[in-house]
Amino acid sequence: MKFDTLLQGISFYENYARVSGFDTRLYSTKKRKSDGKISLKYCVCNKEGFRETPRLQSNCKKKSLITRMGCNARITLKLINGQDNYIIFSFHKGHTHPLTTPNSAHHTKQSRNLTLAHKKYIMDNSRANIGAI
């Protein structure tokens, strides 16, 4: 598949992920030395890899959730030589975790959108709570 810009390729994978039931994150980029253009871009499942174990701290009260499970799902977008178009260079669709169901897909991080009214409400309440302290 061929894309005119890198952003089109990334949005394609994000839409695919939303329909399939997982979230994505941008992972790594490789640039050409000659002109600095992005030659490879990796987009991965948000549960790709493993998070480093945090050091035990005496003042740490909150435990972090395990969010990464070593998932291998990813797409690699590659710049076509002599053109400004990108192609799907590699695609791995296997996941090591359960995907969200269509009924709960609206809970995924990329599907959640706050309206301006919700943002204003959150900001107003956070200011009121700070003033009460």
N, C-alpha and C. Protein backbone atom coordinates (compact mmCIF):
# COMPACT_ATOMS: atom_id res chain seq x y z
N MET A 1 0.84 -1.16 0.00
CA MET A 1 0.00 0.00 0.00
C MET A 1 0.89 1.24 0.00
N LYS A 2 0.51 2.26 -0.72
CA LYS A 2 1.32 3.45 -0.91
C LYS A 2 0.61 4.67 -0.31
N PHE A 3 1.37 5.52 0.40
CA PHE A 3 0.82 6.72 1.02
C PHE A 3 1.59 7.94 0.53
N ASP A 4 0.88 9.04 0.35
CA ASP A 4 1.53 10.27 -0.11
C ASP A 4 2.40 10.90 0.96
N THR A 5 1.97 10.79 2.22
CA THR A 5 2.75 11.35 3.32
C THR A 5 2.87 10.32 4.44
N LEU A 6 3.78 10.58 5.32
CA LEU A 6 3.97 9.71 6.48
C LEU A 6 2.76 9.76 7.40
N LEU A 7 2.18 10.94 7.56
CA LEU A 7 1.01 11.08 8.43
C LEU A 7 -0.18 10.27 7.92
N GLN A 8 -0.32 10.13 6.62
CA GLN A 8 -1.39 9.30 6.08
C GLN A 8 -1.19 7.83 6.45
N GLY A 9 0.05 7.37 6.40
CA GLY A 9 0.35 5.99 6.79
C GLY A 9 0.10 5.75 8.27
N ILE A 10 0.47 6.72 9.10
CA ILE A 10 0.25 6.58 10.54
C ILE A 10 -1.24 6.59 10.85
N SER A 11 -1.98 7.48 10.22
CA SER A 11 -3.43 7.54 10.49
C SER A 11 -4.13 6.28 9.97
N PHE A 12 -3.62 5.69 8.88
CA PHE A 12 -4.16 4.42 8.40
C PHE A 12 -4.03 3.34 9.47
N TYR A 13 -2.85 3.23 10.08
CA TYR A 13 -2.63 2.20 11.10
C TYR A 13 -3.45 2.49 12.35
N GLU A 14 -3.59 3.77 12.71
CA GLU A 14 -4.40 4.12 13.87
C GLU A 14 -5.87 3.76 13.65
N ASN A 15 -6.37 4.00 12.44
CA ASN A 15 -7.75 3.61 12.12
C ASN A 15 -7.93 2.10 12.14
N TYR A 16 -6.94 1.39 11.58
CA TYR A 16 -6.97 -0.07 11.61
C TYR A 16 -6.99 -0.57 13.05
N ALA A 17 -6.18 0.05 13.91
CA ALA A 17 -6.10 -0.36 15.31
C ALA A 17 -7.42 -0.10 16.02
N ARG A 18 -8.02 1.04 15.75
CA ARG A 18 -9.29 1.38 16.40
C ARG A 18 -10.37 0.36 16.04
N VAL A 19 -10.42 -0.03 14.76
CA VAL A 19 -11.41 -1.01 14.31
C VAL A 19 -11.09 -2.39 14.89
N SER A 20 -9.81 -2.74 14.99
CA SER A 20 -9.40 -4.05 15.47
C SER A 20 -9.51 -4.20 16.98
N GLY A 21 -9.43 -3.10 17.72
CA GLY A 21 -9.59 -3.17 19.17
C GLY A 21 -8.31 -3.02 19.96
N PHE A 22 -7.36 -2.21 19.49
CA PHE A 22 -6.16 -1.93 20.27
C PHE A 22 -5.72 -0.50 20.01
N ASP A 23 -4.81 -0.01 20.83
CA ASP A 23 -4.26 1.33 20.69
C ASP A 23 -2.85 1.23 20.13
N THR A 24 -2.37 2.34 19.57
CA THR A 24 -1.04 2.37 18.99
C THR A 24 -0.20 3.45 19.66
N ARG A 25 1.08 3.37 19.41
CA ARG A 25 1.99 4.45 19.78
C ARG A 25 3.12 4.48 18.76
N LEU A 26 3.70 5.64 18.58
CA LEU A 26 4.83 5.78 17.66
C LEU A 26 6.07 5.31 18.40
N TYR A 27 6.85 4.47 17.74
CA TYR A 27 7.95 3.81 18.43
C TYR A 27 9.29 4.42 18.08
N SER A 28 9.72 4.27 16.85
CA SER A 28 11.07 4.66 16.49
C SER A 28 11.09 5.25 15.09
N THR A 29 12.13 6.01 14.81
CA THR A 29 12.29 6.66 13.52
C THR A 29 13.74 6.54 13.09
N LYS A 30 13.94 6.31 11.80
CA LYS A 30 15.29 6.34 11.24
C LYS A 30 15.30 7.38 10.13
N LYS A 31 16.32 8.23 10.13
CA LYS A 31 16.42 9.29 9.13
C LYS A 31 17.60 9.04 8.21
N ARG A 32 17.47 9.54 6.98
CA ARG A 32 18.58 9.46 6.05
C ARG A 32 19.63 10.51 6.42
N LYS A 33 20.88 10.15 6.28
CA LYS A 33 21.96 11.08 6.61
C LYS A 33 22.08 12.18 5.57
N SER A 34 21.75 11.86 4.32
CA SER A 34 21.97 12.82 3.24
C SER A 34 21.08 14.06 3.35
N ASP A 35 19.80 13.87 3.61
CA ASP A 35 18.91 15.03 3.65
C ASP A 35 18.07 15.12 4.92
N GLY A 36 18.18 14.17 5.83
CA GLY A 36 17.46 14.22 7.09
C GLY A 36 16.01 13.80 7.01
N LYS A 37 15.55 13.29 5.87
CA LYS A 37 14.17 12.83 5.76
C LYS A 37 13.99 11.52 6.49
N ILE A 38 12.79 11.31 7.01
CA ILE A 38 12.48 10.07 7.72
C ILE A 38 12.39 8.94 6.70
N SER A 39 13.25 7.94 6.86
CA SER A 39 13.25 6.82 5.92
C SER A 39 12.46 5.63 6.44
N LEU A 40 12.41 5.43 7.76
CA LEU A 40 11.63 4.35 8.37
C LEU A 40 10.90 4.90 9.59
N LYS A 41 9.65 4.52 9.73
CA LYS A 41 8.87 4.90 10.90
C LYS A 41 8.16 3.66 11.41
N TYR A 42 8.30 3.38 12.69
CA TYR A 42 7.68 2.21 13.32
C TYR A 42 6.50 2.66 14.16
N CYS A 43 5.34 2.06 13.94
CA CYS A 43 4.16 2.25 14.78
C CYS A 43 3.85 0.90 15.39
N VAL A 44 3.66 0.86 16.69
CA VAL A 44 3.49 -0.40 17.39
C VAL A 44 2.23 -0.39 18.23
N CYS A 45 1.82 -1.56 18.67
CA CYS A 45 0.73 -1.70 19.63
C CYS A 45 1.19 -1.05 20.93
N ASN A 46 0.27 -0.42 21.66
CA ASN A 46 0.68 0.26 22.89
C ASN A 46 1.14 -0.71 23.97
N LYS A 47 0.94 -1.99 23.80
CA LYS A 47 1.41 -2.98 24.77
C LYS A 47 2.69 -3.67 24.30
N GLU A 48 3.39 -3.07 23.33
CA GLU A 48 4.63 -3.62 22.81
C GLU A 48 5.74 -3.46 23.85
N GLY A 49 6.61 -4.44 23.92
CA GLY A 49 7.77 -4.36 24.80
C GLY A 49 7.41 -4.56 26.26
N PHE A 50 8.38 -4.28 27.11
CA PHE A 50 8.19 -4.39 28.56
C PHE A 50 8.73 -3.12 29.20
N ARG A 51 8.01 -2.61 30.16
CA ARG A 51 8.45 -1.41 30.88
C ARG A 51 9.53 -1.82 31.88
N GLU A 52 10.50 -0.94 32.04
CA GLU A 52 11.55 -1.21 33.01
C GLU A 52 10.94 -1.22 34.41
N THR A 53 11.44 -2.10 35.24
CA THR A 53 10.92 -2.16 36.61
C THR A 53 11.43 -0.93 37.37
N PRO A 54 10.55 -0.19 37.98
CA PRO A 54 10.98 1.01 38.71
C PRO A 54 11.74 0.63 39.97
N ARG A 55 12.66 1.49 40.35
CA ARG A 55 13.39 1.26 41.59
C ARG A 55 12.45 1.50 42.77
N LEU A 56 12.66 0.74 43.80
CA LEU A 56 11.82 0.91 44.98
C LEU A 56 12.20 2.21 45.68
N GLN A 57 11.21 3.02 45.90
CA GLN A 57 11.43 4.29 46.58
C GLN A 57 10.55 4.35 47.81
N SER A 58 11.06 4.91 48.87
CA SER A 58 10.29 4.95 50.11
C SER A 58 9.12 5.94 50.00
N ASN A 59 9.24 6.97 49.17
CA ASN A 59 8.18 7.96 49.07
C ASN A 59 7.17 7.62 47.97
N CYS A 60 7.32 6.50 47.31
CA CYS A 60 6.40 6.10 46.24
C CYS A 60 5.20 5.40 46.86
N LYS A 61 4.00 6.03 46.73
CA LYS A 61 2.80 5.49 47.34
C LYS A 61 1.95 4.72 46.34
N LYS A 62 2.05 5.07 45.07
CA LYS A 62 1.17 4.49 44.07
C LYS A 62 1.95 3.47 43.23
N LYS A 63 1.40 2.28 43.09
CA LYS A 63 2.01 1.28 42.24
C LYS A 63 1.58 1.50 40.81
N SER A 64 2.51 1.35 39.87
CA SER A 64 2.11 1.51 38.47
C SER A 64 1.55 0.21 37.94
N LEU A 65 0.58 0.35 37.07
CA LEU A 65 -0.04 -0.81 36.45
C LEU A 65 0.89 -1.39 35.39
N ILE A 66 0.76 -2.68 35.16
CA ILE A 66 1.52 -3.30 34.08
C ILE A 66 0.77 -3.03 32.79
N THR A 67 1.37 -2.21 31.93
CA THR A 67 0.69 -1.82 30.70
C THR A 67 1.31 -2.44 29.47
N ARG A 68 2.50 -2.96 29.58
CA ARG A 68 3.16 -3.54 28.41
C ARG A 68 3.31 -5.04 28.61
N MET A 69 3.00 -5.78 27.53
CA MET A 69 2.96 -7.24 27.63
C MET A 69 3.80 -7.94 26.57
N GLY A 70 4.71 -7.25 25.94
CA GLY A 70 5.56 -7.89 24.94
C GLY A 70 4.86 -8.18 23.63
N CYS A 71 3.88 -7.37 23.27
CA CYS A 71 3.13 -7.59 22.03
C CYS A 71 4.02 -7.29 20.83
N ASN A 72 3.86 -8.07 19.77
CA ASN A 72 4.70 -7.92 18.58
C ASN A 72 4.01 -7.21 17.43
N ALA A 73 2.76 -6.78 17.60
CA ALA A 73 2.03 -6.14 16.51
C ALA A 73 2.68 -4.80 16.17
N ARG A 74 2.96 -4.60 14.88
CA ARG A 74 3.61 -3.36 14.45
C ARG A 74 3.48 -3.19 12.95
N ILE A 75 3.74 -1.97 12.51
CA ILE A 75 3.82 -1.66 11.09
C ILE A 75 5.07 -0.81 10.89
N THR A 76 5.75 -1.04 9.79
CA THR A 76 6.91 -0.24 9.43
C THR A 76 6.61 0.46 8.13
N LEU A 77 6.73 1.78 8.13
CA LEU A 77 6.53 2.59 6.93
C LEU A 77 7.89 3.00 6.40
N LYS A 78 8.11 2.80 5.09
CA LYS A 78 9.41 3.07 4.50
C LYS A 78 9.27 4.08 3.37
N LEU A 79 10.21 5.02 3.31
CA LEU A 79 10.25 6.01 2.25
C LEU A 79 10.73 5.36 0.96
N ILE A 80 10.02 5.60 -0.13
CA ILE A 80 10.42 5.06 -1.44
C ILE A 80 11.55 5.93 -1.97
N ASN A 81 12.65 5.30 -2.39
CA ASN A 81 13.79 6.05 -2.92
C ASN A 81 13.40 6.83 -4.17
N GLY A 82 13.82 8.10 -4.21
CA GLY A 82 13.55 8.95 -5.35
C GLY A 82 12.16 9.56 -5.35
N GLN A 83 11.34 9.25 -4.36
CA GLN A 83 9.99 9.80 -4.27
C GLN A 83 9.74 10.28 -2.85
N ASP A 84 8.63 10.96 -2.67
CA ASP A 84 8.25 11.40 -1.32
C ASP A 84 7.06 10.58 -0.81
N ASN A 85 6.93 9.36 -1.27
CA ASN A 85 5.85 8.48 -0.87
C ASN A 85 6.36 7.41 0.09
N TYR A 86 5.45 6.89 0.90
CA TYR A 86 5.79 5.84 1.85
C TYR A 86 5.00 4.58 1.53
N ILE A 87 5.60 3.44 1.80
CA ILE A 87 4.93 2.16 1.61
C ILE A 87 4.98 1.39 2.93
N ILE A 88 4.10 0.39 3.03
CA ILE A 88 4.14 -0.50 4.18
C ILE A 88 5.26 -1.50 3.92
N PHE A 89 6.33 -1.38 4.68
CA PHE A 89 7.51 -2.22 4.49
C PHE A 89 7.33 -3.56 5.20
N SER A 90 6.81 -3.52 6.42
CA SER A 90 6.52 -4.76 7.14
C SER A 90 5.27 -4.56 7.98
N PHE A 91 4.57 -5.66 8.22
CA PHE A 91 3.32 -5.62 8.97
C PHE A 91 3.21 -6.91 9.76
N HIS A 92 3.08 -6.80 11.05
CA HIS A 92 2.91 -7.96 11.91
C HIS A 92 1.62 -7.75 12.69
N LYS A 93 0.66 -8.65 12.55
CA LYS A 93 -0.64 -8.43 13.16
C LYS A 93 -0.89 -9.28 14.40
N GLY A 94 0.02 -10.13 14.81
CA GLY A 94 -0.19 -10.99 15.97
C GLY A 94 -0.06 -10.24 17.28
N HIS A 95 -1.03 -10.44 18.17
CA HIS A 95 -1.01 -9.82 19.50
C HIS A 95 -0.83 -10.90 20.55
N THR A 96 -0.23 -10.53 21.68
CA THR A 96 -0.03 -11.46 22.78
C THR A 96 -0.98 -11.16 23.92
N HIS A 97 -2.03 -10.41 23.66
CA HIS A 97 -2.98 -10.02 24.68
C HIS A 97 -4.37 -9.98 24.05
N PRO A 98 -5.41 -10.05 24.85
CA PRO A 98 -6.76 -9.96 24.28
C PRO A 98 -7.05 -8.55 23.78
N LEU A 99 -7.77 -8.46 22.67
CA LEU A 99 -8.17 -7.18 22.11
C LEU A 99 -9.50 -6.76 22.73
N THR A 100 -9.81 -5.48 22.65
CA THR A 100 -11.07 -5.01 23.20
C THR A 100 -12.22 -5.42 22.28
N THR A 101 -13.36 -5.61 22.86
CA THR A 101 -14.54 -5.98 22.09
C THR A 101 -15.16 -4.71 21.50
N PRO A 102 -15.98 -4.85 20.46
CA PRO A 102 -16.63 -3.66 19.90
C PRO A 102 -17.48 -2.89 20.91
N ASN A 103 -18.05 -3.60 21.88
CA ASN A 103 -18.87 -2.92 22.90
C ASN A 103 -18.04 -2.05 23.83
N SER A 104 -16.77 -2.39 24.05
CA SER A 104 -15.94 -1.61 24.96
C SER A 104 -14.83 -0.84 24.23
N ALA A 105 -14.91 -0.76 22.92
CA ALA A 105 -13.86 -0.07 22.15
C ALA A 105 -13.82 1.42 22.46
N HIS A 106 -14.93 1.99 22.90
CA HIS A 106 -14.94 3.42 23.20
C HIS A 106 -14.13 3.75 24.45
N HIS A 107 -13.69 2.75 25.20
CA HIS A 107 -12.87 2.98 26.39
C HIS A 107 -11.39 3.07 26.07
N THR A 108 -10.97 2.72 24.86
CA THR A 108 -9.55 2.77 24.54
C THR A 108 -9.06 4.21 24.54
N LYS A 109 -7.80 4.39 24.77
CA LYS A 109 -7.23 5.71 24.95
C LYS A 109 -7.41 6.60 23.71
N GLN A 110 -7.24 6.03 22.52
CA GLN A 110 -7.36 6.83 21.31
C GLN A 110 -8.80 7.16 20.96
N SER A 111 -9.75 6.41 21.49
CA SER A 111 -11.15 6.67 21.19
C SER A 111 -11.77 7.69 22.13
N ARG A 112 -11.11 7.94 23.25
CA ARG A 112 -11.65 8.89 24.22
C ARG A 112 -11.33 10.32 23.78
N ASN A 113 -12.34 11.12 23.66
CA ASN A 113 -12.17 12.53 23.32
C ASN A 113 -12.98 13.37 24.30
N LEU A 114 -12.34 14.39 24.85
CA LEU A 114 -13.04 15.30 25.73
C LEU A 114 -13.51 16.50 24.92
N THR A 115 -14.73 16.92 25.15
CA THR A 115 -15.22 18.13 24.53
C THR A 115 -14.68 19.33 25.31
N LEU A 116 -14.83 20.50 24.74
CA LEU A 116 -14.37 21.70 25.44
C LEU A 116 -15.12 21.89 26.75
N ALA A 117 -16.40 21.53 26.78
CA ALA A 117 -17.17 21.65 28.01
C ALA A 117 -16.62 20.75 29.11
N HIS A 118 -16.24 19.50 28.75
CA HIS A 118 -15.66 18.59 29.74
C HIS A 118 -14.32 19.12 30.24
N LYS A 119 -13.49 19.64 29.33
CA LYS A 119 -12.18 20.16 29.73
C LYS A 119 -12.34 21.34 30.68
N LYS A 120 -13.28 22.25 30.38
CA LYS A 120 -13.52 23.40 31.23
C LYS A 120 -14.01 22.95 32.61
N TYR A 121 -14.90 21.96 32.64
CA TYR A 121 -15.41 21.43 33.90
C TYR A 121 -14.28 20.85 34.75
N ILE A 122 -13.39 20.10 34.13
CA ILE A 122 -12.27 19.49 34.85
C ILE A 122 -11.35 20.57 35.40
N MET A 123 -11.04 21.58 34.57
CA MET A 123 -10.14 22.64 35.02
C MET A 123 -10.77 23.43 36.16
N ASP A 124 -12.06 23.75 36.06
CA ASP A 124 -12.72 24.52 37.11
C ASP A 124 -12.73 23.74 38.43
N ASN A 125 -13.02 22.45 38.36
CA ASN A 125 -13.05 21.64 39.58
C ASN A 125 -11.67 21.45 40.17
N SER A 126 -10.64 21.32 39.34
CA SER A 126 -9.29 21.17 39.89
C SER A 126 -8.84 22.43 40.57
N ARG A 127 -9.21 23.60 40.03
CA ARG A 127 -8.86 24.86 40.69
C ARG A 127 -9.59 25.01 42.02
N ALA A 128 -10.85 24.60 42.05
CA ALA A 128 -11.63 24.69 43.28
C ALA A 128 -11.06 23.77 44.34
N ASN A 129 -10.61 22.57 43.95
CA ASN A 129 -10.02 21.64 44.92
C ASN A 129 -8.69 22.14 45.44
N ILE A 130 -7.92 22.80 44.60
CA ILE A 130 -6.64 23.35 45.05
C ILE A 130 -6.87 24.48 46.04
N GLY A 131 -7.89 25.31 45.78
CA GLY A 131 -8.20 26.42 46.68
C GLY A 131 -8.69 25.95 48.03
N ALA A 132 -9.27 24.77 48.10
CA ALA A 132 -9.81 24.24 49.36
C ALA A 132 -8.72 23.70 50.27
N ILE A 133 -7.55 23.47 49.71
CA ILE A 133 -6.45 22.86 50.51
C ILE A 133 -5.78 23.86 51.38
